[in-house]
Amino acid sequence: MRSDQRSDGGSVINSGEPAGYTVGSIYLAPRCRVLYEREWDQPWLSLHPFWCSLLSGAAMNITSLTCYMNDSTDAPPLVMEFIQGGPTSLVVILDLPPRRDLVLYSDYLKTFYEETELEKQRQLLLDTIPEAKPYVSPSLYIRCVFSPTAITARVDTSVGGGGGETRLEEIVRERVSVAAKKVLETWLEVCACGEKREVTQEEDRAYLKKRDAMFKSKTIEVDIGSSLPRLFGQEIADRVLAELRVLMGSRD
């Protein structure tokens, strides 16, 4: 296993099973600070594509885009993840995970979830596409950080004869991309560029900072850490995760 720096500032982690059964690569894109007119709006962008090829010829492609807000606002981050385990299979995760308790902060629920059309997008994706079913993460942690309007769907077009690959491309182009654009637009308009939700109390800012740090590290552990051992074995998985901790820690 090795870690290489790219000219764009990103890092590539390459791994391979000693006997040659599995090879894979994770690219950590350089995070960019998105600048707006207001100083408090400076989210961090982090892109983590993961690619793995098995000896059988199967391939797994995972692309995860996360946009974090800083501790001067309590607006939620943006999470977009696409997991393709084959030419006819896709898992879609689109969400604005809350950073506040939705029971205690009813205005938070109203602003970011009730008054947006994210629930409409969730229903359209799941209710109008026969091949789409709700995706339930095996991780209880992942389930508990999702928002009420999270779009978590598994699309499987392998049933019903041939044409599954073409059908999946059609669904991605005409339906998934529409939902993804809507979630992104909502985050930009309501969270990143919307009405200011400034956090001024030091205690609140410390809480958000601590919570965000735990969210980042735990998500990597659960998301990547759960799949790597099955693909590469525990020893290589531990080495990759250690490298990820170093890389992510150096960019905070």
C-alpha atoms as a PDB file:
ATOM      1  CA  MET A   1       0.000   0.000   0.000  1.00  0.00           C
ATOM      2  CA  ARG A   2       1.236   3.518  -0.771  1.00  0.00           C
ATOM      3  CA  SER A   3       0.027   7.111  -0.550  1.00  0.00           C
ATOM      4  CA  ASP A   4       0.932   9.541  -3.334  1.00  0.00           C
ATOM      5  CA  GLN A   5       0.467  13.307  -3.581  1.00  0.00           C
ATOM      6  CA  ARG A   6      -1.046  14.658  -6.796  1.00  0.00           C
ATOM      7  CA  SER A   7      -0.219  17.956  -8.435  1.00  0.00           C
ATOM      8  CA  ASP A   8      -3.654  19.325  -7.478  1.00  0.00           C
ATOM      9  CA  GLY A   9      -2.952  18.764  -3.785  1.00  0.00           C
ATOM     10  CA  GLY A  10      -5.040  15.616  -3.505  1.00  0.00           C
ATOM     11  CA  SER A  11      -3.860  12.316  -2.091  1.00  0.00           C
ATOM     12  CA  VAL A  12      -4.208   8.862  -3.657  1.00  0.00           C
ATOM     13  CA  ILE A  13      -4.094   5.742  -1.506  1.00  0.00           C
ATOM     14  CA  ASN A  14      -3.456   2.564  -3.529  1.00  0.00           C
ATOM     15  CA  SER A  15      -3.981  -0.866  -2.035  1.00  0.00           C
ATOM     16  CA  GLY A  16      -3.703  -4.439  -3.241  1.00  0.00           C
ATOM     17  CA  GLU A  17      -4.265  -7.845  -1.728  1.00  0.00           C
ATOM     18  CA  PRO A  18      -0.913  -9.686  -1.680  1.00  0.00           C
ATOM     19  CA  ALA A  19      -2.158 -12.611  -3.785  1.00  0.00           C
ATOM     20  CA  GLY A  20      -3.604 -10.220  -6.351  1.00  0.00           C
ATOM     21  CA  TYR A  21      -7.240 -10.902  -5.627  1.00  0.00           C
ATOM     22  CA  THR A  22      -8.236  -7.290  -5.052  1.00  0.00           C
ATOM     23  CA  VAL A  23      -6.854  -3.923  -6.061  1.00  0.00           C
ATOM     24  CA  GLY A  24      -8.262  -0.539  -5.195  1.00  0.00           C
ATOM     25  CA  SER A  25      -7.657   3.161  -4.943  1.00  0.00           C
ATOM     26  CA  ILE A  26      -9.020   6.001  -2.815  1.00  0.00           C
ATOM     27  CA  TYR A  27      -8.561   9.606  -3.957  1.00  0.00           C
ATOM     28  CA  LEU A  28      -8.846  12.341  -1.337  1.00  0.00           C
ATOM     29  CA  ALA A  29      -9.463  15.554  -3.240  1.00  0.00           C
ATOM     30  CA  PRO A  30      -8.009  18.761  -1.824  1.00  0.00           C
ATOM     31  CA  ARG A  31     -10.629  20.563   0.199  1.00  0.00           C
ATOM     32  CA  CYS A  32     -11.555  24.011  -1.069  1.00  0.00           C
ATOM     33  CA  ARG A  33     -12.860  26.853   1.021  1.00  0.00           C
ATOM     34  CA  VAL A  34     -15.901  28.304  -0.702  1.00  0.00           C
ATOM     35  CA  LEU A  35     -15.936  32.060  -0.201  1.00  0.00           C
ATOM     36  CA  TYR A  36     -19.062  34.160  -0.079  1.00  0.00           C
ATOM     37  CA  GLU A  37     -19.622  37.827   0.606  1.00  0.00           C
ATOM     38  CA  ARG A  38     -20.274  37.141   4.273  1.00  0.00           C
ATOM     39  CA  GLU A  39     -17.269  36.004   6.247  1.00  0.00           C
ATOM     40  CA  TRP A  40     -19.270  33.530   8.334  1.00  0.00           C
ATOM     41  CA  ASP A  41     -20.175  31.487   5.233  1.00  0.00           C
ATOM     42  CA  GLN A  42     -17.049  29.432   4.568  1.00  0.00           C
ATOM     43  CA  PRO A  43     -17.893  25.756   4.174  1.00  0.00           C
ATOM     44  CA  TRP A  44     -15.264  23.124   3.488  1.00  0.00           C
ATOM     45  CA  LEU A  45     -15.659  20.736   0.568  1.00  0.00           C
ATOM     46  CA  SER A  46     -14.305  17.213   0.746  1.00  0.00           C
ATOM     47  CA  LEU A  47     -14.472  14.671  -2.095  1.00  0.00           C
ATOM     48  CA  HIS A  48     -13.604  11.022  -1.521  1.00  0.00           C
ATOM     49  CA  PRO A  49     -13.905   8.790  -4.599  1.00  0.00           C
ATOM     50  CA  PHE A  50     -13.157   5.114  -3.933  1.00  0.00           C
ATOM     51  CA  TRP A  51     -12.575   2.503  -6.609  1.00  0.00           C
ATOM     52  CA  CYS A  52     -12.063  -1.221  -6.202  1.00  0.00           C
ATOM     53  CA  SER A  53     -11.656  -4.022  -8.737  1.00  0.00           C
ATOM     54  CA  LEU A  54     -11.996  -7.699  -7.863  1.00  0.00           C
ATOM     55  CA  LEU A  55     -10.382 -10.669  -9.580  1.00  0.00           C
ATOM     56  CA  SER A  56     -13.845 -11.827 -10.668  1.00  0.00           C
ATOM     57  CA  GLY A  57     -14.107  -8.723 -12.853  1.00  0.00           C
ATOM     58  CA  ALA A  58     -16.624  -6.974 -10.619  1.00  0.00           C
ATOM     59  CA  ALA A  59     -15.939  -3.385  -9.617  1.00  0.00           C
ATOM     60  CA  MET A  60     -17.117  -1.082  -6.858  1.00  0.00           C
ATOM     61  CA  ASN A  61     -17.198   2.679  -7.275  1.00  0.00           C
ATOM     62  CA  ILE A  62     -18.039   4.999  -4.383  1.00  0.00           C
ATOM     63  CA  THR A  63     -18.082   8.778  -4.638  1.00  0.00           C
ATOM     64  CA  SER A  64     -18.779  10.798  -1.508  1.00  0.00           C
ATOM     65  CA  LEU A  65     -19.080  14.582  -1.458  1.00  0.00           C
ATOM     66  CA  THR A  66     -19.392  16.331   1.892  1.00  0.00           C
ATOM     67  CA  CYS A  67     -19.637  20.096   2.459  1.00  0.00           C
ATOM     68  CA  TYR A  68     -19.060  21.108   6.058  1.00  0.00           C
ATOM     69  CA  MET A  69     -20.121  24.416   7.593  1.00  0.00           C
ATOM     70  CA  ASN A  70     -17.902  25.989  10.222  1.00  0.00           C
ATOM     71  CA  ASP A  71     -18.840  26.613  13.846  1.00  0.00           C
ATOM     72  CA  SER A  72     -19.991  30.198  13.287  1.00  0.00           C
ATOM     73  CA  THR A  73     -23.316  28.829  11.991  1.00  0.00           C
ATOM     74  CA  ASP A  74     -25.426  25.812  12.888  1.00  0.00           C
ATOM     75  CA  ALA A  75     -26.650  25.229   9.316  1.00  0.00           C
ATOM     76  CA  PRO A  76     -26.417  21.569   8.275  1.00  0.00           C
ATOM     77  CA  PRO A  77     -23.715  20.132   6.016  1.00  0.00           C
ATOM     78  CA  LEU A  78     -24.326  18.580   2.612  1.00  0.00           C
ATOM     79  CA  VAL A  79     -23.808  14.847   2.129  1.00  0.00           C
ATOM     80  CA  MET A  80     -23.993  13.201  -1.289  1.00  0.00           C
ATOM     81  CA  GLU A  81     -22.885   9.612  -1.808  1.00  0.00           C
ATOM     82  CA  PHE A  82     -23.194   7.313  -4.802  1.00  0.00           C
ATOM     83  CA  ILE A  83     -22.266   3.637  -4.474  1.00  0.00           C
ATOM     84  CA  GLN A  84     -22.216   1.550  -7.635  1.00  0.00           C
ATOM     85  CA  GLY A  85     -21.607  -2.135  -7.070  1.00  0.00           C
ATOM     86  CA  GLY A  86     -22.203  -3.134 -10.681  1.00  0.00           C
ATOM     87  CA  PRO A  87     -23.628  -1.921 -14.008  1.00  0.00           C
ATOM     88  CA  THR A  88     -27.216  -2.398 -12.797  1.00  0.00           C
ATOM     89  CA  SER A  89     -26.927  -1.440  -9.125  1.00  0.00           C
ATOM     90  CA  LEU A  90     -26.701   1.959  -7.424  1.00  0.00           C
ATOM     91  CA  VAL A  91     -27.166   3.226  -3.878  1.00  0.00           C
ATOM     92  CA  VAL A  92     -27.964   6.936  -3.565  1.00  0.00           C
ATOM     93  CA  ILE A  93     -27.603   8.962  -0.353  1.00  0.00           C
ATOM     94  CA  LEU A  94     -28.542  12.664  -0.414  1.00  0.00           C
ATOM     95  CA  ASP A  95     -28.999  14.528   2.837  1.00  0.00           C
ATOM     96  CA  LEU A  96     -28.546  17.619   4.980  1.00  0.00           C
ATOM     97  CA  PRO A  97     -27.782  15.969   8.358  1.00  0.00           C
ATOM     98  CA  PRO A  98     -28.963  18.154  11.246  1.00  0.00           C
ATOM     99  CA  ARG A  99     -26.481  19.668  13.682  1.00  0.00           C
ATOM    100  CA  ARG A 100     -29.169  20.465  16.224  1.00  0.00           C
ATOM    101  CA  ASP A 101     -31.678  18.375  18.153  1.00  0.00           C
ATOM    102  CA  LEU A 102     -34.846  18.647  16.070  1.00  0.00           C
ATOM    103  CA  VAL A 103     -37.058  18.176  19.130  1.00  0.00           C
ATOM    104  CA  LEU A 104     -35.466  21.046  21.058  1.00  0.00           C
ATOM    105  CA  TYR A 105     -34.994  23.319  18.036  1.00  0.00           C
ATOM    106  CA  SER A 106     -38.326  23.342  16.212  1.00  0.00           C
ATOM    107  CA  ASP A 107     -37.246  26.351  14.132  1.00  0.00           C
ATOM    108  CA  TYR A 108     -34.342  24.291  12.796  1.00  0.00           C
ATOM    109  CA  LEU A 109     -36.743  21.565  11.675  1.00  0.00           C
ATOM    110  CA  LYS A 110     -39.001  24.136  10.018  1.00  0.00           C
ATOM    111  CA  THR A 111     -36.223  26.077   8.237  1.00  0.00           C
ATOM    112  CA  PHE A 112     -34.191  23.234   6.786  1.00  0.00           C
ATOM    113  CA  TYR A 113     -36.711  20.416   6.373  1.00  0.00           C
ATOM    114  CA  GLU A 114     -40.365  21.471   6.535  1.00  0.00           C
ATOM    115  CA  GLU A 115     -40.075  24.586   4.337  1.00  0.00           C
ATOM    116  CA  THR A 116     -37.850  22.980   1.716  1.00  0.00           C
ATOM    117  CA  GLU A 117     -39.008  20.519  -0.958  1.00  0.00           C
ATOM    118  CA  LEU A 118     -36.585  17.792   0.046  1.00  0.00           C
ATOM    119  CA  GLU A 119     -39.357  15.505   1.248  1.00  0.00           C
ATOM    120  CA  LYS A 120     -41.041  15.858  -2.146  1.00  0.00           C
ATOM    121  CA  GLN A 121     -37.827  14.785  -3.864  1.00  0.00           C
ATOM    122  CA  ARG A 122     -37.503  11.796  -1.553  1.00  0.00           C
ATOM    123  CA  GLN A 123     -41.041  10.658  -2.314  1.00  0.00           C
ATOM    124  CA  LEU A 124     -40.644  11.180  -6.076  1.00  0.00           C
ATOM    125  CA  LEU A 125     -37.512   9.069  -6.187  1.00  0.00           C
ATOM    126  CA  LEU A 126     -38.900   6.211  -4.114  1.00  0.00           C
ATOM    127  CA  ASP A 127     -42.561   6.209  -5.153  1.00  0.00           C
ATOM    128  CA  THR A 128     -42.335   6.707  -8.924  1.00  0.00           C
ATOM    129  CA  ILE A 129     -39.381   4.492  -9.871  1.00  0.00           C
ATOM    130  CA  PRO A 130     -40.300   0.784  -9.734  1.00  0.00           C
ATOM    131  CA  GLU A 131     -36.638  -0.250  -9.492  1.00  0.00           C
ATOM    132  CA  ALA A 132     -35.976   2.017  -6.490  1.00  0.00           C
ATOM    133  CA  LYS A 133     -36.358   0.768  -2.929  1.00  0.00           C
ATOM    134  CA  PRO A 134     -35.479   2.401   0.395  1.00  0.00           C
ATOM    135  CA  TYR A 135     -31.874   1.812   1.386  1.00  0.00           C
ATOM    136  CA  VAL A 136     -31.378   0.957   5.054  1.00  0.00           C
ATOM    137  CA  SER A 137     -27.798   1.291   6.233  1.00  0.00           C
ATOM    138  CA  PRO A 138     -26.567  -1.613   8.358  1.00  0.00           C
ATOM    139  CA  SER A 139     -24.969   0.973  10.658  1.00  0.00           C
ATOM    140  CA  LEU A 140     -27.159   2.315  13.451  1.00  0.00           C
ATOM    141  CA  TYR A 141     -24.841   5.318  13.677  1.00  0.00           C
ATOM    142  CA  ILE A 142     -25.467   6.278  10.045  1.00  0.00           C
ATOM    143  CA  ARG A 143     -29.214   5.898  10.521  1.00  0.00           C
ATOM    144  CA  CYS A 144     -29.256   8.176  13.560  1.00  0.00           C
ATOM    145  CA  VAL A 145     -27.432  11.062  11.849  1.00  0.00           C
ATOM    146  CA  PHE A 146     -29.758  11.176   8.832  1.00  0.00           C
ATOM    147  CA  SER A 147     -32.385  13.899   8.641  1.00  0.00           C
ATOM    148  CA  PRO A 148     -36.135  13.176   8.323  1.00  0.00           C
ATOM    149  CA  THR A 149     -35.959  14.076   4.626  1.00  0.00           C
ATOM    150  CA  ALA A 150     -32.859  12.044   3.762  1.00  0.00           C
ATOM    151  CA  ILE A 151     -32.967  10.414   0.325  1.00  0.00           C
ATOM    152  CA  THR A 152     -31.565   6.922   0.769  1.00  0.00           C
ATOM    153  CA  ALA A 153     -32.438   4.651  -2.129  1.00  0.00           C
ATOM    154  CA  ARG A 154     -31.189   1.460  -3.720  1.00  0.00           C
ATOM    155  CA  VAL A 155     -31.783   1.173  -7.479  1.00  0.00           C
ATOM    156  CA  ASP A 156     -31.579  -2.300  -9.008  1.00  0.00           C
ATOM    157  CA  THR A 157     -32.315  -2.693 -12.718  1.00  0.00           C
ATOM    158  CA  SER A 158     -31.111  -6.276 -13.070  1.00  0.00           C
ATOM    159  CA  VAL A 159     -34.641  -7.701 -12.804  1.00  0.00           C
ATOM    160  CA  GLY A 160     -36.761  -8.011 -15.942  1.00  0.00           C
ATOM    161  CA  GLY A 161     -34.379  -9.264 -18.584  1.00  0.00           C
ATOM    162  CA  GLY A 162     -31.801  -7.340 -20.582  1.00  0.00           C
ATOM    163  CA  GLY A 163     -31.288  -3.616 -20.803  1.00  0.00           C
ATOM    164  CA  GLY A 164     -30.568  -3.195 -17.115  1.00  0.00           C
ATOM    165  CA  GLU A 165     -27.448  -1.126 -17.657  1.00  0.00           C
ATOM    166  CA  THR A 166     -29.197   1.222 -20.066  1.00  0.00           C
ATOM    167  CA  ARG A 167     -32.154   1.544 -17.708  1.00  0.00           C
ATOM    168  CA  LEU A 168     -29.874   2.470 -14.801  1.00  0.00           C
ATOM    169  CA  GLU A 169     -28.191   5.157 -16.901  1.00  0.00           C
ATOM    170  CA  GLU A 170     -31.633   6.509 -17.781  1.00  0.00           C
ATOM    171  CA  ILE A 171     -32.701   6.652 -14.123  1.00  0.00           C
ATOM    172  CA  VAL A 172     -29.480   8.404 -13.131  1.00  0.00           C
ATOM    173  CA  ARG A 173     -29.774  10.923 -15.949  1.00  0.00           C
ATOM    174  CA  GLU A 174     -33.485  11.711 -15.634  1.00  0.00           C
ATOM    175  CA  ARG A 175     -34.278  11.147 -11.958  1.00  0.00           C
ATOM    176  CA  VAL A 176     -31.261  10.825  -9.661  1.00  0.00           C
ATOM    177  CA  SER A 177     -29.491  13.844 -11.155  1.00  0.00           C
ATOM    178  CA  VAL A 178     -32.645  15.951 -10.693  1.00  0.00           C
ATOM    179  CA  ALA A 179     -32.892  15.003  -7.024  1.00  0.00           C
ATOM    180  CA  ALA A 180     -29.171  15.581  -6.475  1.00  0.00           C
ATOM    181  CA  LYS A 181     -29.338  19.032  -8.071  1.00  0.00           C
ATOM    182  CA  LYS A 182     -32.341  19.949  -5.925  1.00  0.00           C
ATOM    183  CA  VAL A 183     -30.582  18.903  -2.716  1.00  0.00           C
ATOM    184  CA  LEU A 184     -27.455  20.830  -3.739  1.00  0.00           C
ATOM    185  CA  GLU A 185     -29.480  23.933  -4.667  1.00  0.00           C
ATOM    186  CA  THR A 186     -31.324  23.769  -1.346  1.00  0.00           C
ATOM    187  CA  TRP A 187     -28.077  23.568   0.585  1.00  0.00           C
ATOM    188  CA  LEU A 188     -26.571  26.494  -1.326  1.00  0.00           C
ATOM    189  CA  GLU A 189     -29.657  28.697  -1.048  1.00  0.00           C
ATOM    190  CA  VAL A 190     -30.786  27.882   2.499  1.00  0.00           C
ATOM    191  CA  CYS A 191     -27.596  26.839   4.292  1.00  0.00           C
ATOM    192  CA  ALA A 192     -24.528  28.334   2.614  1.00  0.00           C
ATOM    193  CA  CYS A 193     -26.032  31.507   1.151  1.00  0.00           C
ATOM    194  CA  GLY A 194     -29.321  31.796   3.012  1.00  0.00           C
ATOM    195  CA  GLU A 195     -30.392  33.900   5.969  1.00  0.00           C
ATOM    196  CA  LYS A 196     -27.659  34.045   8.541  1.00  0.00           C
ATOM    197  CA  ARG A 197     -27.930  31.651  11.504  1.00  0.00           C
ATOM    198  CA  GLU A 198     -24.995  32.993  13.437  1.00  0.00           C
ATOM    199  CA  VAL A 199     -23.764  31.192  16.540  1.00  0.00           C
ATOM    200  CA  THR A 200     -22.261  33.709  18.952  1.00  0.00           C
ATOM    201  CA  GLN A 201     -22.093  31.844  22.254  1.00  0.00           C
ATOM    202  CA  GLU A 202     -18.692  30.244  22.813  1.00  0.00           C
ATOM    203  CA  GLU A 203     -20.317  27.249  24.470  1.00  0.00           C
ATOM    204  CA  ASP A 204     -22.502  26.625  21.421  1.00  0.00           C
ATOM    205  CA  ARG A 205     -19.570  27.027  19.039  1.00  0.00           C
ATOM    206  CA  ALA A 206     -17.469  24.608  21.074  1.00  0.00           C
ATOM    207  CA  TYR A 207     -20.327  22.096  20.975  1.00  0.00           C
ATOM    208  CA  LEU A 208     -20.671  22.389  17.186  1.00  0.00           C
ATOM    209  CA  LYS A 209     -16.922  22.094  16.680  1.00  0.00           C
ATOM    210  CA  LYS A 210     -16.735  18.961  18.814  1.00  0.00           C
ATOM    211  CA  ARG A 211     -19.807  17.442  17.156  1.00  0.00           C
ATOM    212  CA  ASP A 212     -18.489  18.146  13.657  1.00  0.00           C
ATOM    213  CA  ALA A 213     -15.118  16.573  14.456  1.00  0.00           C
ATOM    214  CA  MET A 214     -16.842  13.444  15.726  1.00  0.00           C
ATOM    215  CA  PHE A 215     -19.125  13.368  12.681  1.00  0.00           C
ATOM    216  CA  LYS A 216     -16.172  13.500  10.273  1.00  0.00           C
ATOM    217  CA  SER A 217     -14.057  10.864  11.992  1.00  0.00           C
ATOM    218  CA  LYS A 218     -16.936   8.519  12.761  1.00  0.00           C
ATOM    219  CA  THR A 219     -18.281   8.715   9.207  1.00  0.00           C
ATOM    220  CA  ILE A 220     -14.912   7.646   7.803  1.00  0.00           C
ATOM    221  CA  GLU A 221     -14.645   4.814  10.304  1.00  0.00           C
ATOM    222  CA  VAL A 222     -18.153   3.521   9.613  1.00  0.00           C
ATOM    223  CA  ASP A 223     -18.374   4.245   5.875  1.00  0.00           C
ATOM    224  CA  ILE A 224     -14.959   3.139   4.670  1.00  0.00           C
ATOM    225  CA  GLY A 225     -13.911   1.105   7.674  1.00  0.00           C
ATOM    226  CA  SER A 226     -16.833  -1.284   7.318  1.00  0.00           C
ATOM    227  CA  SER A 227     -16.133  -2.181   3.690  1.00  0.00           C
ATOM    228  CA  LEU A 228     -12.340  -2.288   3.503  1.00  0.00           C
ATOM    229  CA  PRO A 229     -11.835  -5.407   5.670  1.00  0.00           C
ATOM    230  CA  ARG A 230     -14.150  -7.419   3.390  1.00  0.00           C
ATOM    231  CA  LEU A 231     -12.254  -6.275   0.307  1.00  0.00           C
ATOM    232  CA  PHE A 232      -8.632  -6.240   1.437  1.00  0.00           C
ATOM    233  CA  GLY A 233      -8.482  -7.968   4.818  1.00  0.00           C
ATOM    234  CA  GLN A 234      -8.177  -6.404   8.262  1.00  0.00           C
ATOM    235  CA  GLU A 235      -4.442  -5.670   8.142  1.00  0.00           C
ATOM    236  CA  ILE A 236      -4.555  -3.587   4.966  1.00  0.00           C
ATOM    237  CA  ALA A 237      -7.843  -1.969   6.076  1.00  0.00           C
ATOM    238  CA  ASP A 238      -6.199  -0.808   9.314  1.00  0.00           C
ATOM    239  CA  ARG A 239      -3.279   0.681   7.385  1.00  0.00           C
ATOM    240  CA  VAL A 240      -5.567   2.522   4.973  1.00  0.00           C
ATOM    241  CA  LEU A 241      -7.676   3.938   7.807  1.00  0.00           C
ATOM    242  CA  ALA A 242      -4.537   5.054   9.642  1.00  0.00           C
ATOM    243  CA  GLU A 243      -3.412   6.881   6.512  1.00  0.00           C
ATOM    244  CA  LEU A 244      -6.832   8.470   6.147  1.00  0.00           C
ATOM    245  CA  ARG A 245      -6.741   9.736   9.741  1.00  0.00           C
ATOM    246  CA  VAL A 246      -3.384  11.373   9.109  1.00  0.00           C
ATOM    247  CA  LEU A 247      -4.498  12.968   5.847  1.00  0.00           C
ATOM    248  CA  MET A 248      -7.824  14.209   7.169  1.00  0.00           C
ATOM    249  CA  GLY A 249      -6.308  15.422  10.421  1.00  0.00           C
ATOM    250  CA  SER A 250      -3.732  17.478   8.575  1.00  0.00           C
ATOM    251  CA  ARG A 251      -6.476  19.333   6.702  1.00  0.00           C
ATOM    252  CA  ASP A 252      -8.687  20.419   9.577  1.00  0.00           C
END
